[in-house]
Amino acid sequence: SSQLKLVLYIFVGVNAAAAVGLIIWTLTHRANIIIRASQTEFLICVAFGVLLSSSSIVFITLDDSKAEADAYLAYLMPPEYSAANAGCMASVWMYSIGFTVAFAALFTRIWRMSRIFK
């Protein structure tokens, strides 16, 4: 349904705007002692990972409705390369990579803190 897709796109847009805004804010305030203590690189990695993970929603919304309507496109594109299949595979990859980037930054930060306080 197009209304659900619109709501999902709005959520992705808000999340992407927040992530990019926080990356820009972090870069502009990196001289601040609190931001330096928070380690700018890790903050940016977490925001970038969240951006990648939330972008997986865009790929989930892909469907084959327009490709099936056009017989010529349906002839050129085998079923295994349809938009829905490609979107399904891309959504899993984007979410997994985003999750890995975000949590790798968090786990690395925790590991560094534990090394400092030992």
PDB file of N, CA and C in Angstrom:
ATOM      1  N   SER A   1       0.828  -1.185   0.000  1.00  0.00           N
ATOM      2  CA  SER A   1       0.000   0.000   0.000  1.00  0.00           C
ATOM      3  C   SER A   1       0.876   1.254   0.000  1.00  0.00           C
ATOM      4  N   SER A   2       0.484   2.208  -0.782  1.00  0.00           N
ATOM      5  CA  SER A   2       1.283   3.414  -0.958  1.00  0.00           C
ATOM      6  C   SER A   2       1.296   4.280   0.301  1.00  0.00           C
ATOM      7  N   GLN A   3       0.243   4.228   1.116  1.00  0.00           N
ATOM      8  CA  GLN A   3       0.223   5.023   2.346  1.00  0.00           C
ATOM      9  C   GLN A   3       1.246   4.508   3.351  1.00  0.00           C
ATOM     10  N   LEU A   4       1.373   3.203   3.458  1.00  0.00           N
ATOM     11  CA  LEU A   4       2.361   2.619   4.354  1.00  0.00           C
ATOM     12  C   LEU A   4       3.770   2.948   3.885  1.00  0.00           C
ATOM     13  N   LYS A   5       3.995   2.878   2.562  1.00  0.00           N
ATOM     14  CA  LYS A   5       5.310   3.236   2.022  1.00  0.00           C
ATOM     15  C   LYS A   5       5.644   4.685   2.332  1.00  0.00           C
ATOM     16  N   LEU A   6       4.666   5.561   2.224  1.00  0.00           N
ATOM     17  CA  LEU A   6       4.891   6.976   2.511  1.00  0.00           C
ATOM     18  C   LEU A   6       5.289   7.174   3.970  1.00  0.00           C
ATOM     19  N   VAL A   7       4.597   6.488   4.869  1.00  0.00           N
ATOM     20  CA  VAL A   7       4.929   6.592   6.297  1.00  0.00           C
ATOM     21  C   VAL A   7       6.342   6.067   6.545  1.00  0.00           C
ATOM     22  N   LEU A   8       6.687   4.949   5.932  1.00  0.00           N
ATOM     23  CA  LEU A   8       8.034   4.394   6.098  1.00  0.00           C
ATOM     24  C   LEU A   8       9.093   5.337   5.541  1.00  0.00           C
ATOM     25  N   TYR A   9       8.835   5.925   4.388  1.00  0.00           N
ATOM     26  CA  TYR A   9       9.788   6.875   3.808  1.00  0.00           C
ATOM     27  C   TYR A   9       9.960   8.103   4.697  1.00  0.00           C
ATOM     28  N   ILE A  10       8.870   8.538   5.323  1.00  0.00           N
ATOM     29  CA  ILE A  10       8.970   9.683   6.239  1.00  0.00           C
ATOM     30  C   ILE A  10       9.833   9.307   7.445  1.00  0.00           C
ATOM     31  N   PHE A  11       9.625   8.113   7.995  1.00  0.00           N
ATOM     32  CA  PHE A  11      10.450   7.674   9.125  1.00  0.00           C
ATOM     33  C   PHE A  11      11.921   7.559   8.743  1.00  0.00           C
ATOM     34  N   VAL A  12      12.179   7.006   7.568  1.00  0.00           N
ATOM     35  CA  VAL A  12      13.571   6.893   7.109  1.00  0.00           C
ATOM     36  C   VAL A  12      14.171   8.286   6.911  1.00  0.00           C
ATOM     37  N   GLY A  13      13.401   9.194   6.334  1.00  0.00           N
ATOM     38  CA  GLY A  13      13.892  10.557   6.137  1.00  0.00           C
ATOM     39  C   GLY A  13      14.203  11.257   7.445  1.00  0.00           C
ATOM     40  N   VAL A  14      13.331  11.101   8.432  1.00  0.00           N
ATOM     41  CA  VAL A  14      13.572  11.714   9.743  1.00  0.00           C
ATOM     42  C   VAL A  14      14.815  11.105  10.390  1.00  0.00           C
ATOM     43  N   ASN A  15      14.933   9.788  10.314  1.00  0.00           N
ATOM     44  CA  ASN A  15      16.090   9.116  10.899  1.00  0.00           C
ATOM     45  C   ASN A  15      17.378   9.505  10.176  1.00  0.00           C
ATOM     46  N   ALA A  16      17.331   9.580   8.857  1.00  0.00           N
ATOM     47  CA  ALA A  16      18.524   9.976   8.093  1.00  0.00           C
ATOM     48  C   ALA A  16      18.897  11.418   8.387  1.00  0.00           C
ATOM     49  N   ALA A  17      17.900  12.299   8.464  1.00  0.00           N
ATOM     50  CA  ALA A  17      18.186  13.701   8.781  1.00  0.00           C
ATOM     51  C   ALA A  17      18.786  13.829  10.174  1.00  0.00           C
ATOM     52  N   ALA A  18      18.263  13.059  11.120  1.00  0.00           N
ATOM     53  CA  ALA A  18      18.811  13.098  12.484  1.00  0.00           C
ATOM     54  C   ALA A  18      20.246  12.579  12.510  1.00  0.00           C
ATOM     55  N   ALA A  19      20.515  11.470  11.815  1.00  0.00           N
ATOM     56  CA  ALA A  19      21.866  10.908  11.808  1.00  0.00           C
ATOM     57  C   ALA A  19      22.860  11.860  11.151  1.00  0.00           C
ATOM     58  N   VAL A  20      22.495  12.396   9.987  1.00  0.00           N
ATOM     59  CA  VAL A  20      23.391  13.330   9.297  1.00  0.00           C
ATOM     60  C   VAL A  20      23.553  14.607  10.116  1.00  0.00           C
ATOM     61  N   GLY A  21      22.470  15.086  10.710  1.00  0.00           N
ATOM     62  CA  GLY A  21      22.545  16.269  11.556  1.00  0.00           C
ATOM     63  C   GLY A  21      23.451  16.059  12.753  1.00  0.00           C
ATOM     64  N   LEU A  22      23.368  14.888  13.370  1.00  0.00           N
ATOM     65  CA  LEU A  22      24.235  14.598  14.515  1.00  0.00           C
ATOM     66  C   LEU A  22      25.695  14.427  14.098  1.00  0.00           C
ATOM     67  N   ILE A  23      25.929  13.882  12.912  1.00  0.00           N
ATOM     68  CA  ILE A  23      27.312  13.794  12.424  1.00  0.00           C
ATOM     69  C   ILE A  23      27.870  15.193  12.211  1.00  0.00           C
ATOM     70  N   ILE A  24      27.092  16.062  11.579  1.00  0.00           N
ATOM     71  CA  ILE A  24      27.541  17.445  11.348  1.00  0.00           C
ATOM     72  C   ILE A  24      27.743  18.166  12.675  1.00  0.00           C
ATOM     73  N   TRP A  25      26.813  17.993  13.608  1.00  0.00           N
ATOM     74  CA  TRP A  25      26.934  18.634  14.910  1.00  0.00           C
ATOM     75  C   TRP A  25      28.183  18.148  15.645  1.00  0.00           C
ATOM     76  N   THR A  26      28.436  16.849  15.577  1.00  0.00           N
ATOM     77  CA  THR A  26      29.621  16.289  16.229  1.00  0.00           C
ATOM     78  C   THR A  26      30.891  16.860  15.621  1.00  0.00           C
ATOM     79  N   LEU A  27      30.918  16.968  14.292  1.00  0.00           N
ATOM     80  CA  LEU A  27      32.120  17.508  13.643  1.00  0.00           C
ATOM     81  C   LEU A  27      32.330  18.983  13.954  1.00  0.00           C
ATOM     82  N   THR A  28      31.254  19.748  14.059  1.00  0.00           N
ATOM     83  CA  THR A  28      31.411  21.176  14.333  1.00  0.00           C
ATOM     84  C   THR A  28      31.756  21.447  15.798  1.00  0.00           C
ATOM     85  N   HIS A  29      31.402  20.534  16.689  1.00  0.00           N
ATOM     86  CA  HIS A  29      31.680  20.723  18.114  1.00  0.00           C
ATOM     87  C   HIS A  29      32.772  19.785  18.624  1.00  0.00           C
ATOM     88  N   ARG A  30      33.587  19.264  17.755  1.00  0.00           N
ATOM     89  CA  ARG A  30      34.586  18.287  18.192  1.00  0.00           C
ATOM     90  C   ARG A  30      35.667  18.891  19.077  1.00  0.00           C
ATOM     91  N   ALA A  31      35.812  20.211  19.101  1.00  0.00           N
ATOM     92  CA  ALA A  31      36.792  20.849  19.979  1.00  0.00           C
ATOM     93  C   ALA A  31      36.299  20.913  21.422  1.00  0.00           C
ATOM     94  N   ASN A  32      35.008  20.724  21.634  1.00  0.00           N
ATOM     95  CA  ASN A  32      34.437  20.740  22.978  1.00  0.00           C
ATOM     96  C   ASN A  32      35.013  19.584  23.784  1.00  0.00           C
ATOM     97  N   ILE A  33      35.303  19.830  25.045  1.00  0.00           N
ATOM     98  CA  ILE A  33      35.957  18.813  25.877  1.00  0.00           C
ATOM     99  C   ILE A  33      35.072  17.576  26.071  1.00  0.00           C
ATOM    100  N   ILE A  34      33.761  17.777  26.153  1.00  0.00           N
ATOM    101  CA  ILE A  34      32.852  16.635  26.336  1.00  0.00           C
ATOM    102  C   ILE A  34      32.808  15.786  25.069  1.00  0.00           C
ATOM    103  N   ILE A  35      32.779  16.431  23.916  1.00  0.00           N
ATOM    104  CA  ILE A  35      32.765  15.684  22.651  1.00  0.00           C
ATOM    105  C   ILE A  35      34.098  14.973  22.443  1.00  0.00           C
ATOM    106  N   ARG A  36      35.210  15.635  22.790  1.00  0.00           N
ATOM    107  CA  ARG A  36      36.518  14.975  22.681  1.00  0.00           C
ATOM    108  C   ARG A  36      36.582  13.764  23.592  1.00  0.00           C
ATOM    109  N   ALA A  37      36.009  13.883  24.803  1.00  0.00           N
ATOM    110  CA  ALA A  37      36.001  12.746  25.728  1.00  0.00           C
ATOM    111  C   ALA A  37      35.123  11.616  25.205  1.00  0.00           C
ATOM    112  N   SER A  38      34.117  11.965  24.423  1.00  0.00           N
ATOM    113  CA  SER A  38      33.223  10.949  23.852  1.00  0.00           C
ATOM    114  C   SER A  38      33.814  10.296  22.617  1.00  0.00           C
ATOM    115  N   GLN A  39      34.954  10.780  22.174  1.00  0.00           N
ATOM    116  CA  GLN A  39      35.674  10.243  21.022  1.00  0.00           C
ATOM    117  C   GLN A  39      34.839  10.348  19.750  1.00  0.00           C
ATOM    118  N   THR A  40      35.085  11.411  19.031  1.00  0.00           N
ATOM    119  CA  THR A  40      34.327  11.798  17.848  1.00  0.00           C
ATOM    120  C   THR A  40      34.185  10.661  16.837  1.00  0.00           C
ATOM    121  N   GLU A  41      35.246   9.905  16.633  1.00  0.00           N
ATOM    122  CA  GLU A  41      35.201   8.832  15.633  1.00  0.00           C
ATOM    123  C   GLU A  41      34.131   7.796  15.968  1.00  0.00           C
ATOM    124  N   PHE A  42      34.015   7.464  17.243  1.00  0.00           N
ATOM    125  CA  PHE A  42      33.016   6.471  17.634  1.00  0.00           C
ATOM    126  C   PHE A  42      31.604   7.017  17.479  1.00  0.00           C
ATOM    127  N   LEU A  43      31.407   8.283  17.834  1.00  0.00           N
ATOM    128  CA  LEU A  43      30.081   8.888  17.673  1.00  0.00           C
ATOM    129  C   LEU A  43      29.651   8.890  16.208  1.00  0.00           C
ATOM    130  N   ILE A  44      30.597   9.211  15.326  1.00  0.00           N
ATOM    131  CA  ILE A  44      30.284   9.234  13.891  1.00  0.00           C
ATOM    132  C   ILE A  44      30.013   7.822  13.374  1.00  0.00           C
ATOM    133  N   CYS A  45      30.774   6.842  13.841  1.00  0.00           N
ATOM    134  CA  CYS A  45      30.537   5.457  13.418  1.00  0.00           C
ATOM    135  C   CYS A  45      29.159   4.965  13.845  1.00  0.00           C
ATOM    136  N   VAL A  46      28.746   5.298  15.055  1.00  0.00           N
ATOM    137  CA  VAL A  46      27.426   4.885  15.521  1.00  0.00           C
ATOM    138  C   VAL A  46      26.340   5.534  14.668  1.00  0.00           C
ATOM    139  N   ALA A  47      26.467   6.838  14.412  1.00  0.00           N
ATOM    140  CA  ALA A  47      25.462   7.539  13.602  1.00  0.00           C
ATOM    141  C   ALA A  47      25.432   6.990  12.173  1.00  0.00           C
ATOM    142  N   PHE A  48      26.596   6.693  11.612  1.00  0.00           N
ATOM    143  CA  PHE A  48      26.648   6.132  10.260  1.00  0.00           C
ATOM    144  C   PHE A  48      26.036   4.731  10.225  1.00  0.00           C
ATOM    145  N   GLY A  49      26.285   3.931  11.237  1.00  0.00           N
ATOM    146  CA  GLY A  49      25.694   2.597  11.313  1.00  0.00           C
ATOM    147  C   GLY A  49      24.183   2.655  11.411  1.00  0.00           C
ATOM    148  N   VAL A  50      23.673   3.611  12.201  1.00  0.00           N
ATOM    149  CA  VAL A  50      22.227   3.799  12.305  1.00  0.00           C
ATOM    150  C   VAL A  50      21.649   4.235  10.967  1.00  0.00           C
ATOM    151  N   LEU A  51      22.369   5.108  10.261  1.00  0.00           N
ATOM    152  CA  LEU A  51      21.928   5.564   8.943  1.00  0.00           C
ATOM    153  C   LEU A  51      21.836   4.390   7.968  1.00  0.00           C
ATOM    154  N   LEU A  52      22.844   3.523   7.965  1.00  0.00           N
ATOM    155  CA  LEU A  52      22.809   2.350   7.083  1.00  0.00           C
ATOM    156  C   LEU A  52      21.678   1.402   7.465  1.00  0.00           C
ATOM    157  N   SER A  53      21.518   1.147   8.755  1.00  0.00           N
ATOM    158  CA  SER A  53      20.465   0.223   9.197  1.00  0.00           C
ATOM    159  C   SER A  53      19.081   0.736   8.831  1.00  0.00           C
ATOM    160  N   SER A  54      18.847   2.012   9.054  1.00  0.00           N
ATOM    161  CA  SER A  54      17.513   2.533   8.752  1.00  0.00           C
ATOM    162  C   SER A  54      17.254   2.623   7.256  1.00  0.00           C
ATOM    163  N   SER A  55      18.301   2.716   6.454  1.00  0.00           N
ATOM    164  CA  SER A  55      18.091   2.760   5.006  1.00  0.00           C
ATOM    165  C   SER A  55      17.624   1.418   4.451  1.00  0.00           C
ATOM    166  N   SER A  56      17.745   0.366   5.242  1.00  0.00           N
ATOM    167  CA  SER A  56      17.273  -0.941   4.778  1.00  0.00           C
ATOM    168  C   SER A  56      15.760  -0.936   4.567  1.00  0.00           C
ATOM    169  N   ILE A  57      15.055  -0.038   5.240  1.00  0.00           N
ATOM    170  CA  ILE A  57      13.600   0.047   5.075  1.00  0.00           C
ATOM    171  C   ILE A  57      13.238   0.426   3.641  1.00  0.00           C
ATOM    172  N   VAL A  58      14.053   1.268   3.014  1.00  0.00           N
ATOM    173  CA  VAL A  58      13.781   1.680   1.631  1.00  0.00           C
ATOM    174  C   VAL A  58      13.809   0.468   0.708  1.00  0.00           C
ATOM    175  N   PHE A  59      14.755  -0.435   0.932  1.00  0.00           N
ATOM    176  CA  PHE A  59      14.867  -1.612   0.063  1.00  0.00           C
ATOM    177  C   PHE A  59      13.740  -2.603   0.302  1.00  0.00           C
ATOM    178  N   ILE A  60      13.217  -2.647   1.528  1.00  0.00           N
ATOM    179  CA  ILE A  60      12.113  -3.561   1.823  1.00  0.00           C
ATOM    180  C   ILE A  60      10.860  -3.160   1.051  1.00  0.00           C
ATOM    181  N   THR A  61      10.701  -1.874   0.784  1.00  0.00           N
ATOM    182  CA  THR A  61       9.475  -1.398   0.129  1.00  0.00           C
ATOM    183  C   THR A  61       9.463  -1.616  -1.378  1.00  0.00           C
ATOM    184  N   LEU A  62      10.545  -2.087  -1.952  1.00  0.00           N
ATOM    185  CA  LEU A  62      10.569  -2.334  -3.400  1.00  0.00           C
ATOM    186  C   LEU A  62       9.644  -3.499  -3.743  1.00  0.00           C
ATOM    187  N   ASP A  63       8.912  -3.341  -4.817  1.00  0.00           N
ATOM    188  CA  ASP A  63       8.051  -4.424  -5.275  1.00  0.00           C
ATOM    189  C   ASP A  63       8.134  -4.535  -6.798  1.00  0.00           C
ATOM    190  N   ASP A  64       7.481  -5.540  -7.321  1.00  0.00           N
ATOM    191  CA  ASP A  64       7.538  -5.816  -8.757  1.00  0.00           C
ATOM    192  C   ASP A  64       6.309  -5.330  -9.499  1.00  0.00           C
ATOM    193  N   SER A  65       5.508  -4.511  -8.905  1.00  0.00           N
ATOM    194  CA  SER A  65       4.240  -4.130  -9.528  1.00  0.00           C
ATOM    195  C   SER A  65       4.456  -3.414 -10.860  1.00  0.00           C
ATOM    196  N   LYS A  66       5.435  -2.547 -10.965  1.00  0.00           N
ATOM    197  CA  LYS A  66       5.656  -1.837 -12.225  1.00  0.00           C
ATOM    198  C   LYS A  66       6.368  -2.719 -13.245  1.00  0.00           C
ATOM    199  N   ALA A  67       7.254  -3.576 -12.795  1.00  0.00           N
ATOM    200  CA  ALA A  67       7.974  -4.450 -13.723  1.00  0.00           C
ATOM    201  C   ALA A  67       7.044  -5.491 -14.333  1.00  0.00           C
ATOM    202  N   GLU A  68       6.093  -5.990 -13.563  1.00  0.00           N
ATOM    203  CA  GLU A  68       5.167  -6.991 -14.088  1.00  0.00           C
ATOM    204  C   GLU A  68       4.167  -6.375 -15.053  1.00  0.00           C
ATOM    205  N   ALA A  69       3.868  -5.111 -14.886  1.00  0.00           N
ATOM    206  CA  ALA A  69       2.922  -4.455 -15.781  1.00  0.00           C
ATOM    207  C   ALA A  69       3.501  -4.293 -17.177  1.00  0.00           C
ATOM    208  N   ASP A  70       4.808  -4.156 -17.269  1.00  0.00           N
ATOM    209  CA  ASP A  70       5.448  -3.978 -18.561  1.00  0.00           C
ATOM    210  C   ASP A  70       5.980  -5.333 -19.028  1.00  0.00           C
ATOM    211  N   ALA A  71       5.370  -5.892 -20.057  1.00  0.00           N
ATOM    212  CA  ALA A  71       5.748  -7.229 -20.533  1.00  0.00           C
ATOM    213  C   ALA A  71       7.183  -7.261 -21.045  1.00  0.00           C
ATOM    214  N   TYR A  72       7.640  -6.180 -21.628  1.00  0.00           N
ATOM    215  CA  TYR A  72       9.007  -6.143 -22.154  1.00  0.00           C
ATOM    216  C   TYR A  72      10.021  -6.244 -21.017  1.00  0.00           C
ATOM    217  N   LEU A  73       9.801  -5.497 -19.946  1.00  0.00           N
ATOM    218  CA  LEU A  73      10.707  -5.575 -18.797  1.00  0.00           C
ATOM    219  C   LEU A  73      10.648  -6.948 -18.158  1.00  0.00           C
ATOM    220  N   ALA A  74       9.464  -7.528 -18.060  1.00  0.00           N
ATOM    221  CA  ALA A  74       9.326  -8.862 -17.476  1.00  0.00           C
ATOM    222  C   ALA A  74      10.075  -9.892 -18.316  1.00  0.00           C
ATOM    223  N   TYR A  75      10.138  -9.680 -19.625  1.00  0.00           N
ATOM    224  CA  TYR A  75      10.873 -10.591 -20.490  1.00  0.00           C
ATOM    225  C   TYR A  75      12.376 -10.430 -20.281  1.00  0.00           C
ATOM    226  N   LEU A  76      12.851  -9.206 -20.100  1.00  0.00           N
ATOM    227  CA  LEU A  76      14.286  -8.957 -19.943  1.00  0.00           C
ATOM    228  C   LEU A  76      14.814  -9.349 -18.569  1.00  0.00           C
ATOM    229  N   MET A  77      13.983  -9.227 -17.535  1.00  0.00           N
ATOM    230  CA  MET A  77      14.432  -9.501 -16.171  1.00  0.00           C
ATOM    231  C   MET A  77      13.945 -10.862 -15.712  1.00  0.00           C
ATOM    232  N   PRO A  78      14.862 -11.785 -15.514  1.00  0.00           N
ATOM    233  CA  PRO A  78      14.437 -13.074 -14.962  1.00  0.00           C
ATOM    234  C   PRO A  78      13.905 -12.883 -13.542  1.00  0.00           C
ATOM    235  N   PRO A  79      13.077 -13.786 -13.046  1.00  0.00           N
ATOM    236  CA  PRO A  79      12.473 -13.625 -11.712  1.00  0.00           C
ATOM    237  C   PRO A  79      13.495 -13.470 -10.590  1.00  0.00           C
ATOM    238  N   GLU A  80      14.641 -14.121 -10.709  1.00  0.00           N
ATOM    239  CA  GLU A  80      15.622 -14.033  -9.626  1.00  0.00           C
ATOM    240  C   GLU A  80      16.281 -12.657  -9.539  1.00  0.00           C
ATOM    241  N   TYR A  81      16.130 -11.841 -10.579  1.00  0.00           N
ATOM    242  CA  TYR A  81      16.679 -10.486 -10.557  1.00  0.00           C
ATOM    243  C   TYR A  81      15.575  -9.430 -10.462  1.00  0.00           C
ATOM    244  N   SER A  82      14.435  -9.820  -9.981  1.00  0.00           N
ATOM    245  CA  SER A  82      13.338  -8.857  -9.879  1.00  0.00           C
ATOM    246  C   SER A  82      13.645  -7.823  -8.798  1.00  0.00           C
ATOM    247  N   ALA A  83      12.919  -6.725  -8.831  1.00  0.00           N
ATOM    248  CA  ALA A  83      13.144  -5.647  -7.869  1.00  0.00           C
ATOM    249  C   ALA A  83      12.859  -6.119  -6.447  1.00  0.00           C
ATOM    250  N   ALA A  84      11.843  -6.932  -6.271  1.00  0.00           N
ATOM    251  CA  ALA A  84      11.506  -7.415  -4.930  1.00  0.00           C
ATOM    252  C   ALA A  84      12.611  -8.305  -4.372  1.00  0.00           C
ATOM    253  N   ASN A  85      13.140  -9.194  -5.204  1.00  0.00           N
ATOM    254  CA  ASN A  85      14.221 -10.069  -4.740  1.00  0.00           C
ATOM    255  C   ASN A  85      15.483  -9.275  -4.438  1.00  0.00           C
ATOM    256  N   ALA A  86      15.824  -8.346  -5.319  1.00  0.00           N
ATOM    257  CA  ALA A  86      17.008  -7.516  -5.084  1.00  0.00           C
ATOM    258  C   ALA A  86      16.823  -6.651  -3.842  1.00  0.00           C
ATOM    259  N   GLY A  87      15.640  -6.100  -3.658  1.00  0.00           N
ATOM    260  CA  GLY A  87      15.369  -5.293  -2.482  1.00  0.00           C
ATOM    261  C   GLY A  87      15.430  -6.099  -1.198  1.00  0.00           C
ATOM    262  N   CYS A  88      14.934  -7.313  -1.260  1.00  0.00           N
ATOM    263  CA  CYS A  88      14.962  -8.186  -0.090  1.00  0.00           C
ATOM    264  C   CYS A  88      16.397  -8.511   0.307  1.00  0.00           C
ATOM    265  N   MET A  89      17.217  -8.826  -0.674  1.00  0.00           N
ATOM    266  CA  MET A  89      18.620  -9.129  -0.385  1.00  0.00           C
ATOM    267  C   MET A  89      19.383  -7.893   0.087  1.00  0.00           C
ATOM    268  N   ALA A  90      19.125  -6.756  -0.541  1.00  0.00           N
ATOM    269  CA  ALA A  90      19.820  -5.523  -0.162  1.00  0.00           C
ATOM    270  C   ALA A  90      19.422  -5.067   1.230  1.00  0.00           C
ATOM    271  N   SER A  91      18.168  -5.264   1.611  1.00  0.00           N
ATOM    272  CA  SER A  91      17.736  -4.823   2.939  1.00  0.00           C
ATOM    273  C   SER A  91      18.455  -5.600   4.038  1.00  0.00           C
ATOM    274  N   VAL A  92      18.632  -6.887   3.833  1.00  0.00           N
ATOM    275  CA  VAL A  92      19.349  -7.693   4.827  1.00  0.00           C
ATOM    276  C   VAL A  92      20.797  -7.242   4.931  1.00  0.00           C
ATOM    277  N   TRP A  93      21.429  -6.997   3.798  1.00  0.00           N
ATOM    278  CA  TRP A  93      22.829  -6.550   3.810  1.00  0.00           C
ATOM    279  C   TRP A  93      22.981  -5.174   4.449  1.00  0.00           C
ATOM    280  N   MET A  94      22.109  -4.247   4.093  1.00  0.00           N
ATOM    281  CA  MET A  94      22.216  -2.897   4.659  1.00  0.00           C
ATOM    282  C   MET A  94      21.985  -2.917   6.164  1.00  0.00           C
ATOM    283  N   TYR A  95      21.003  -3.673   6.614  1.00  0.00           N
ATOM    284  CA  TYR A  95      20.759  -3.721   8.047  1.00  0.00           C
ATOM    285  C   TYR A  95      21.922  -4.378   8.784  1.00  0.00           C
ATOM    286  N   SER A  96      22.432  -5.468   8.221  1.00  0.00           N
ATOM    287  CA  SER A  96      23.536  -6.180   8.873  1.00  0.00           C
ATOM    288  C   SER A  96      24.799  -5.336   8.937  1.00  0.00           C
ATOM    289  N   ILE A  97      25.129  -4.671   7.848  1.00  0.00           N
ATOM    290  CA  ILE A  97      26.329  -3.833   7.835  1.00  0.00           C
ATOM    291  C   ILE A  97      26.153  -2.652   8.786  1.00  0.00           C
ATOM    292  N   GLY A  98      24.990  -2.030   8.778  1.00  0.00           N
ATOM    293  CA  GLY A  98      24.744  -0.912   9.682  1.00  0.00           C
ATOM    294  C   GLY A  98      24.809  -1.328  11.141  1.00  0.00           C
ATOM    295  N   PHE A  99      24.206  -2.457  11.466  1.00  0.00           N
ATOM    296  CA  PHE A  99      24.250  -2.966  12.833  1.00  0.00           C
ATOM    297  C   PHE A  99      25.690  -3.265  13.251  1.00  0.00           C
ATOM    298  N   THR A 100      26.445  -3.883  12.356  1.00  0.00           N
ATOM    299  CA  THR A 100      27.830  -4.219  12.664  1.00  0.00           C
ATOM    300  C   THR A 100      28.667  -2.970  12.893  1.00  0.00           C
ATOM    301  N   VAL A 101      28.498  -1.959  12.053  1.00  0.00           N
ATOM    302  CA  VAL A 101      29.265  -0.719  12.202  1.00  0.00           C
ATOM    303  C   VAL A 101      28.914  -0.030  13.517  1.00  0.00           C
ATOM    304  N   ALA A 102      27.627   0.077  13.824  1.00  0.00           N
ATOM    305  CA  ALA A 102      27.202   0.773  15.043  1.00  0.00           C
ATOM    306  C   ALA A 102      27.669   0.042  16.296  1.00  0.00           C
ATOM    307  N   PHE A 103      27.452  -1.256  16.347  1.00  0.00           N
ATOM    308  CA  PHE A 103      27.818  -1.979  17.553  1.00  0.00           C
ATOM    309  C   PHE A 103      29.312  -2.254  17.649  1.00  0.00           C
ATOM    310  N   ALA A 104      30.010  -2.314  16.538  1.00  0.00           N
ATOM    311  CA  ALA A 104      31.471  -2.440  16.612  1.00  0.00           C
ATOM    312  C   ALA A 104      32.059  -1.196  17.275  1.00  0.00           C
ATOM    313  N   ALA A 105      31.519  -0.033  16.938  1.00  0.00           N
ATOM    314  CA  ALA A 105      31.989   1.197  17.571  1.00  0.00           C
ATOM    315  C   ALA A 105      31.681   1.183  19.067  1.00  0.00           C
ATOM    316  N   LEU A 106      30.488   0.737  19.436  1.00  0.00           N
ATOM    317  CA  LEU A 106      30.134   0.682  20.859  1.00  0.00           C
ATOM    318  C   LEU A 106      30.987  -0.325  21.618  1.00  0.00           C
ATOM    319  N   PHE A 107      31.168  -1.507  21.048  1.00  0.00           N
ATOM    320  CA  PHE A 107      31.976  -2.521  21.723  1.00  0.00           C
ATOM    321  C   PHE A 107      33.439  -2.102  21.808  1.00  0.00           C
ATOM    322  N   THR A 108      33.948  -1.444  20.784  1.00  0.00           N
ATOM    323  CA  THR A 108      35.328  -0.966  20.827  1.00  0.00           C
ATOM    324  C   THR A 108      35.495   0.098  21.902  1.00  0.00           C
ATOM    325  N   ARG A 109      34.510   0.948  22.020  1.00  0.00           N
ATOM    326  CA  ARG A 109      34.562   1.986  23.059  1.00  0.00           C
ATOM    327  C   ARG A 109      34.528   1.354  24.450  1.00  0.00           C
ATOM    328  N   ILE A 110      33.684   0.376  24.652  1.00  0.00           N
ATOM    329  CA  ILE A 110      33.628  -0.311  25.946  1.00  0.00           C
ATOM    330  C   ILE A 110      34.941  -1.008  26.227  1.00  0.00           C
ATOM    331  N   TRP A 111      35.526  -1.643  25.226  1.00  0.00           N
ATOM    332  CA  TRP A 111      36.800  -2.332  25.395  1.00  0.00           C
ATOM    333  C   TRP A 111      37.895  -1.337  25.768  1.00  0.00           C
ATOM    334  N   ARG A 112      37.918  -0.170  25.086  1.00  0.00           N
ATOM    335  CA  ARG A 112      38.913   0.855  25.410  1.00  0.00           C
ATOM    336  C   ARG A 112      38.745   1.363  26.831  1.00  0.00           C
ATOM    337  N   MET A 113      37.507   1.567  27.236  1.00  0.00           N
ATOM    338  CA  MET A 113      37.260   2.049  28.597  1.00  0.00           C
ATOM    339  C   MET A 113      37.700   1.010  29.626  1.00  0.00           C
ATOM    340  N   SER A 114      37.453  -0.272  29.362  1.00  0.00           N
ATOM    341  CA  SER A 114      37.862  -1.290  30.298  1.00  0.00           C
ATOM    342  C   SER A 114      39.391  -1.387  30.373  1.00  0.00           C
ATOM    343  N   ARG A 115      40.068  -1.157  29.263  1.00  0.00           N
ATOM    344  CA  ARG A 115      41.542  -1.157  29.268  1.00  0.00           C
ATOM    345  C   ARG A 115      42.098   0.028  30.056  1.00  0.00           C
ATOM    346  N   ILE A 116      41.416   1.177  29.959  1.00  0.00           N
ATOM    347  CA  ILE A 116      41.878   2.359  30.666  1.00  0.00           C
ATOM    348  C   ILE A 116      41.729   2.188  32.171  1.00  0.00           C
ATOM    349  N   PHE A 117      40.630   1.617  32.608  1.00  0.00           N
ATOM    350  CA  PHE A 117      40.347   1.520  34.038  1.00  0.00           C
ATOM    351  C   PHE A 117      40.910   0.280  34.694  1.00  0.00           C
ATOM    352  N   LYS A 118      41.593  -0.577  33.951  1.00  0.00           N
ATOM    353  CA  LYS A 118      42.224  -1.754  34.565  1.00  0.00           C
ATOM    354  C   LYS A 118      43.585  -1.416  35.085  1.00  0.00           C
TER     355      LYS A 118
END
